[in-house]
Amino acid sequence: MSHLPQTGFLRLPQIIGNSKVTPPIKPLIPVSKSTWWNGIKVGRFPKPIKLSSRITVWRVEDIRLLIENGGDPVDWR
C-alpha cells in the first residue's frame, strides 16, 4: 500500500488487478469484478466516481480506508 499516492484516483484494474496484461497488475483487493460491483451495490465497497461515460474511478483515500479496515464494512452509501 506504500506505493499508493496520498490523493488521486484509481481505476478498477488498479484495485482488483489484471493478470492478462504485461506486466501483470497485482490486486490491492483480490476480488473478482462481479464481487466488486456487488459489494458496491450492498455498501461493502466505496461508490465510484464517473469522470465520463467510459471512465469510472475510485478515490485513493477510500481505497486506503478500505484496506486499513481490513475490509470491515464502512458506510459507503
N, C-alpha and C. Protein backbone atom coordinates (compact mmCIF):
# COMPACT_ATOMS: atom_id res chain seq x y z
N MET A 1 0.82 -1.18 0.00
CA MET A 1 0.00 0.00 0.00
C MET A 1 0.87 1.26 0.00
N SER A 2 2.12 1.13 0.33
CA SER A 2 3.00 2.30 0.38
C SER A 2 3.22 2.91 -1.00
N HIS A 3 2.93 2.15 -2.06
CA HIS A 3 3.12 2.69 -3.40
C HIS A 3 1.91 3.50 -3.88
N LEU A 4 0.85 3.56 -3.08
CA LEU A 4 -0.32 4.36 -3.45
C LEU A 4 -0.05 5.83 -3.16
N PRO A 5 -0.50 6.71 -4.04
CA PRO A 5 -0.36 8.14 -3.74
C PRO A 5 -1.27 8.52 -2.58
N GLN A 6 -1.03 9.65 -1.97
CA GLN A 6 -1.87 10.12 -0.86
C GLN A 6 -3.26 10.51 -1.35
N THR A 7 -3.32 11.13 -2.51
CA THR A 7 -4.61 11.53 -3.08
C THR A 7 -4.62 11.16 -4.55
N GLY A 8 -5.79 11.17 -5.12
CA GLY A 8 -5.91 10.86 -6.54
C GLY A 8 -7.01 9.85 -6.77
N PHE A 9 -6.94 9.20 -7.92
CA PHE A 9 -7.97 8.26 -8.31
C PHE A 9 -7.34 6.97 -8.82
N LEU A 10 -8.09 5.87 -8.68
CA LEU A 10 -7.68 4.57 -9.20
C LEU A 10 -8.78 4.03 -10.09
N ARG A 11 -8.38 3.35 -11.14
CA ARG A 11 -9.35 2.66 -11.98
C ARG A 11 -9.46 1.22 -11.51
N LEU A 12 -10.50 0.53 -11.94
CA LEU A 12 -10.80 -0.81 -11.43
C LEU A 12 -9.64 -1.79 -11.55
N PRO A 13 -8.94 -1.89 -12.69
CA PRO A 13 -7.82 -2.84 -12.76
C PRO A 13 -6.71 -2.56 -11.75
N GLN A 14 -6.56 -1.30 -11.35
CA GLN A 14 -5.56 -0.96 -10.35
C GLN A 14 -5.98 -1.43 -8.96
N ILE A 15 -7.27 -1.63 -8.76
CA ILE A 15 -7.79 -2.05 -7.46
C ILE A 15 -7.86 -3.58 -7.38
N ILE A 16 -8.49 -4.21 -8.36
CA ILE A 16 -8.69 -5.66 -8.30
C ILE A 16 -7.65 -6.44 -9.11
N GLY A 17 -6.75 -5.73 -9.78
CA GLY A 17 -5.68 -6.37 -10.53
C GLY A 17 -6.11 -6.82 -11.91
N ASN A 18 -5.10 -7.17 -12.72
CA ASN A 18 -5.34 -7.68 -14.07
C ASN A 18 -4.12 -8.51 -14.45
N SER A 19 -4.29 -9.83 -14.45
CA SER A 19 -3.17 -10.73 -14.76
C SER A 19 -2.98 -10.92 -16.25
N LYS A 20 -3.88 -10.38 -17.08
CA LYS A 20 -3.81 -10.60 -18.52
C LYS A 20 -2.96 -9.57 -19.26
N VAL A 21 -2.51 -8.54 -18.57
CA VAL A 21 -1.68 -7.52 -19.22
C VAL A 21 -0.21 -7.78 -18.91
N THR A 22 0.67 -7.18 -19.70
CA THR A 22 2.11 -7.31 -19.47
C THR A 22 2.67 -5.95 -19.14
N PRO A 23 3.25 -5.74 -17.99
CA PRO A 23 3.34 -6.69 -16.87
C PRO A 23 2.01 -6.77 -16.13
N PRO A 24 1.77 -7.90 -15.45
CA PRO A 24 0.50 -8.07 -14.71
C PRO A 24 0.36 -7.01 -13.62
N ILE A 25 -0.88 -6.62 -13.36
CA ILE A 25 -1.17 -5.67 -12.28
C ILE A 25 -1.62 -6.48 -11.08
N LYS A 26 -0.89 -6.35 -9.97
CA LYS A 26 -1.24 -7.07 -8.75
C LYS A 26 -2.44 -6.39 -8.09
N PRO A 27 -3.36 -7.20 -7.53
CA PRO A 27 -4.54 -6.61 -6.90
C PRO A 27 -4.23 -5.99 -5.54
N LEU A 28 -4.87 -4.88 -5.26
CA LEU A 28 -4.86 -4.32 -3.91
C LEU A 28 -5.91 -5.02 -3.08
N ILE A 29 -7.03 -5.33 -3.74
CA ILE A 29 -8.14 -6.05 -3.11
C ILE A 29 -8.46 -7.22 -4.03
N PRO A 30 -8.08 -8.44 -3.64
CA PRO A 30 -8.21 -9.60 -4.53
C PRO A 30 -9.63 -10.17 -4.60
N VAL A 31 -10.48 -9.50 -5.36
CA VAL A 31 -11.83 -9.99 -5.60
C VAL A 31 -12.10 -9.92 -7.11
N SER A 32 -13.13 -10.63 -7.54
CA SER A 32 -13.49 -10.59 -8.96
C SER A 32 -14.25 -9.30 -9.26
N LYS A 33 -14.37 -9.02 -10.55
CA LYS A 33 -15.09 -7.82 -10.98
C LYS A 33 -16.54 -7.85 -10.52
N SER A 34 -17.20 -9.02 -10.65
CA SER A 34 -18.60 -9.10 -10.23
C SER A 34 -18.75 -8.96 -8.72
N THR A 35 -17.81 -9.51 -7.95
CA THR A 35 -17.85 -9.35 -6.49
C THR A 35 -17.67 -7.89 -6.13
N TRP A 36 -16.76 -7.19 -6.82
CA TRP A 36 -16.53 -5.77 -6.56
C TRP A 36 -17.81 -4.96 -6.79
N TRP A 37 -18.46 -5.16 -7.95
CA TRP A 37 -19.66 -4.39 -8.26
C TRP A 37 -20.82 -4.75 -7.33
N ASN A 38 -20.94 -6.02 -6.96
CA ASN A 38 -21.97 -6.40 -5.99
C ASN A 38 -21.69 -5.77 -4.63
N GLY A 39 -20.42 -5.70 -4.25
CA GLY A 39 -20.04 -5.07 -2.99
C GLY A 39 -20.38 -3.59 -2.96
N ILE A 40 -20.27 -2.93 -4.08
CA ILE A 40 -20.66 -1.52 -4.17
C ILE A 40 -22.17 -1.40 -3.99
N LYS A 41 -22.89 -2.30 -4.63
CA LYS A 41 -24.35 -2.28 -4.58
C LYS A 41 -24.88 -2.42 -3.16
N VAL A 42 -24.23 -3.28 -2.35
CA VAL A 42 -24.69 -3.51 -0.98
C VAL A 42 -24.01 -2.61 0.05
N GLY A 43 -23.08 -1.76 -0.40
CA GLY A 43 -22.42 -0.82 0.50
C GLY A 43 -21.15 -1.33 1.16
N ARG A 44 -20.63 -2.47 0.71
CA ARG A 44 -19.40 -3.02 1.28
C ARG A 44 -18.16 -2.29 0.76
N PHE A 45 -18.21 -1.84 -0.49
CA PHE A 45 -17.09 -1.15 -1.13
C PHE A 45 -17.52 0.28 -1.48
N PRO A 46 -16.56 1.20 -1.62
CA PRO A 46 -16.91 2.61 -1.89
C PRO A 46 -17.54 2.82 -3.26
N LYS A 47 -18.37 3.84 -3.31
CA LYS A 47 -19.03 4.19 -4.57
C LYS A 47 -18.02 4.79 -5.54
N PRO A 48 -18.20 4.53 -6.82
CA PRO A 48 -17.29 5.10 -7.83
C PRO A 48 -17.65 6.53 -8.17
N ILE A 49 -16.75 7.16 -8.89
CA ILE A 49 -16.95 8.49 -9.44
C ILE A 49 -16.86 8.35 -10.95
N LYS A 50 -17.86 8.85 -11.67
CA LYS A 50 -17.84 8.81 -13.13
C LYS A 50 -17.18 10.08 -13.65
N LEU A 51 -16.04 9.92 -14.32
CA LEU A 51 -15.38 11.06 -14.94
C LEU A 51 -15.93 11.33 -16.33
N SER A 52 -16.38 10.27 -16.99
CA SER A 52 -17.04 10.38 -18.29
C SER A 52 -17.89 9.14 -18.46
N SER A 53 -18.52 9.00 -19.61
CA SER A 53 -19.38 7.84 -19.82
C SER A 53 -18.59 6.52 -19.82
N ARG A 54 -17.29 6.59 -20.10
CA ARG A 54 -16.48 5.37 -20.17
C ARG A 54 -15.39 5.28 -19.10
N ILE A 55 -15.28 6.28 -18.26
CA ILE A 55 -14.22 6.28 -17.26
C ILE A 55 -14.82 6.37 -15.86
N THR A 56 -14.58 5.31 -15.07
CA THR A 56 -15.04 5.22 -13.70
C THR A 56 -13.81 5.08 -12.81
N VAL A 57 -13.78 5.84 -11.72
CA VAL A 57 -12.63 5.83 -10.82
C VAL A 57 -13.11 5.78 -9.37
N TRP A 58 -12.15 5.48 -8.48
CA TRP A 58 -12.39 5.50 -7.04
C TRP A 58 -11.33 6.36 -6.40
N ARG A 59 -11.70 7.07 -5.35
CA ARG A 59 -10.75 7.92 -4.64
C ARG A 59 -9.72 7.04 -3.92
N VAL A 60 -8.45 7.39 -4.03
CA VAL A 60 -7.38 6.65 -3.35
C VAL A 60 -7.65 6.63 -1.85
N GLU A 61 -8.15 7.73 -1.31
CA GLU A 61 -8.42 7.81 0.12
C GLU A 61 -9.43 6.74 0.55
N ASP A 62 -10.46 6.49 -0.27
CA ASP A 62 -11.46 5.48 0.05
C ASP A 62 -10.86 4.07 0.00
N ILE A 63 -10.01 3.82 -0.98
CA ILE A 63 -9.37 2.50 -1.10
C ILE A 63 -8.41 2.28 0.06
N ARG A 64 -7.67 3.31 0.43
CA ARG A 64 -6.77 3.20 1.60
C ARG A 64 -7.57 2.85 2.86
N LEU A 65 -8.70 3.53 3.07
CA LEU A 65 -9.54 3.28 4.23
C LEU A 65 -10.07 1.86 4.22
N LEU A 66 -10.48 1.38 3.06
CA LEU A 66 -10.97 0.01 2.93
C LEU A 66 -9.88 -0.99 3.30
N ILE A 67 -8.67 -0.78 2.82
CA ILE A 67 -7.56 -1.69 3.12
C ILE A 67 -7.18 -1.61 4.60
N GLU A 68 -7.12 -0.40 5.15
CA GLU A 68 -6.75 -0.23 6.55
C GLU A 68 -7.75 -0.88 7.49
N ASN A 69 -9.03 -0.88 7.10
CA ASN A 69 -10.07 -1.50 7.92
C ASN A 69 -10.14 -3.01 7.70
N GLY A 70 -9.26 -3.54 6.88
CA GLY A 70 -9.25 -4.98 6.63
C GLY A 70 -10.51 -5.48 5.96
N GLY A 71 -11.17 -4.61 5.21
CA GLY A 71 -12.38 -5.00 4.52
C GLY A 71 -13.62 -4.94 5.39
N ASP A 72 -13.46 -4.49 6.66
CA ASP A 72 -14.63 -4.35 7.51
C ASP A 72 -15.57 -3.32 6.91
N PRO A 73 -16.86 -3.55 7.05
CA PRO A 73 -17.83 -2.64 6.44
C PRO A 73 -17.69 -1.21 6.95
N VAL A 74 -17.75 -0.30 6.03
CA VAL A 74 -17.79 1.14 6.29
C VAL A 74 -19.04 1.61 5.56
N ASP A 75 -19.75 2.57 6.10
CA ASP A 75 -20.96 3.03 5.42
C ASP A 75 -20.58 3.89 4.22
N TRP A 76 -20.48 3.26 3.06
CA TRP A 76 -20.09 3.96 1.83
C TRP A 76 -21.27 4.63 1.15
N ARG A 77 -22.48 4.38 1.63
CA ARG A 77 -23.67 4.93 0.97
C ARG A 77 -23.78 6.34 1.29
